[in-house]
Amino acid sequence: MKTPRKVDLEDMALETLELEKQRLFEKLLNGCEPKKHRNILYEVLGVIDFKRRFEARGS
């Protein structure tokens, strides 16, 4: 699977982002390109946090 870009992350559903987060955690723990996956994980977590806050206000 290719590494998602930030623009792609913003278009993903929250459930898909949660799966992507788990996949990145696994890669990070396995030591596979840790710096790259750590940075992407931070982006994913930021998008998840933003979407959760936005959905909470919209409800």
Protein backbone atom coordinates (compact mmCIF):
# COMPACT_ATOMS: atom_id res chain seq x y z
CA MET A 1 0.00 0.00 0.00
CA LYS A 2 1.32 3.43 -0.90
CA THR A 3 1.91 6.05 1.74
CA PRO A 4 -1.01 8.50 1.89
CA ARG A 5 -0.46 12.19 1.36
CA LYS A 6 -1.99 14.81 3.64
CA VAL A 7 -4.58 15.75 1.00
CA ASP A 8 -5.60 12.09 0.75
CA LEU A 9 -5.89 11.89 4.54
CA GLU A 10 -8.34 14.77 4.71
CA ASP A 11 -10.64 13.02 2.23
CA MET A 12 -10.66 9.69 4.12
CA ALA A 13 -13.50 8.62 6.40
CA LEU A 14 -12.80 8.52 10.13
CA GLU A 15 -12.99 4.70 10.20
CA THR A 16 -10.42 4.46 7.40
CA LEU A 17 -8.14 6.86 9.25
CA GLU A 18 -8.34 4.68 12.37
CA LEU A 19 -7.24 1.67 10.31
CA GLU A 20 -4.41 3.68 8.77
CA LYS A 21 -3.33 4.74 12.28
CA GLN A 22 -3.13 1.10 13.39
CA ARG A 23 -1.16 0.15 10.27
CA LEU A 24 1.33 2.96 10.90
CA PHE A 25 1.70 2.01 14.58
CA GLU A 26 2.59 -1.54 13.51
CA LYS A 27 5.17 -0.31 11.00
CA LEU A 28 6.63 2.06 13.57
CA LEU A 29 6.93 -0.69 16.19
CA ASN A 30 8.56 -3.02 13.66
CA GLY A 31 11.24 -0.39 13.01
CA CYS A 32 10.46 -0.07 9.31
CA GLU A 33 11.55 3.49 8.34
CA PRO A 34 10.66 4.88 11.79
CA LYS A 35 11.19 8.58 11.05
CA LYS A 36 9.03 8.52 7.93
CA HIS A 37 6.19 6.57 9.55
CA ARG A 38 6.33 8.65 12.75
CA ASN A 39 5.81 11.84 10.75
CA ILE A 40 2.93 10.35 8.77
CA LEU A 41 1.41 9.03 12.01
CA TYR A 42 1.46 12.55 13.47
CA GLU A 43 -0.38 13.81 10.39
CA VAL A 44 -2.97 11.02 10.66
CA LEU A 45 -3.51 11.72 14.36
CA GLY A 46 -3.93 15.43 13.63
CA VAL A 47 -6.54 14.78 10.94
CA ILE A 48 -8.39 12.32 13.23
CA ASP A 49 -8.43 14.88 16.05
CA PHE A 50 -9.69 17.61 13.71
CA LYS A 51 -12.44 15.40 12.28
CA ARG A 52 -13.59 14.32 15.76
CA ARG A 53 -13.81 17.94 16.93
CA PHE A 54 -15.59 19.00 13.75
CA GLU A 55 -18.13 16.16 14.01
CA ALA A 56 -18.73 16.93 17.70
CA ARG A 57 -19.59 20.55 16.87
CA GLY A 58 -21.74 19.56 13.91
CA SER A 59 -23.93 17.19 15.93
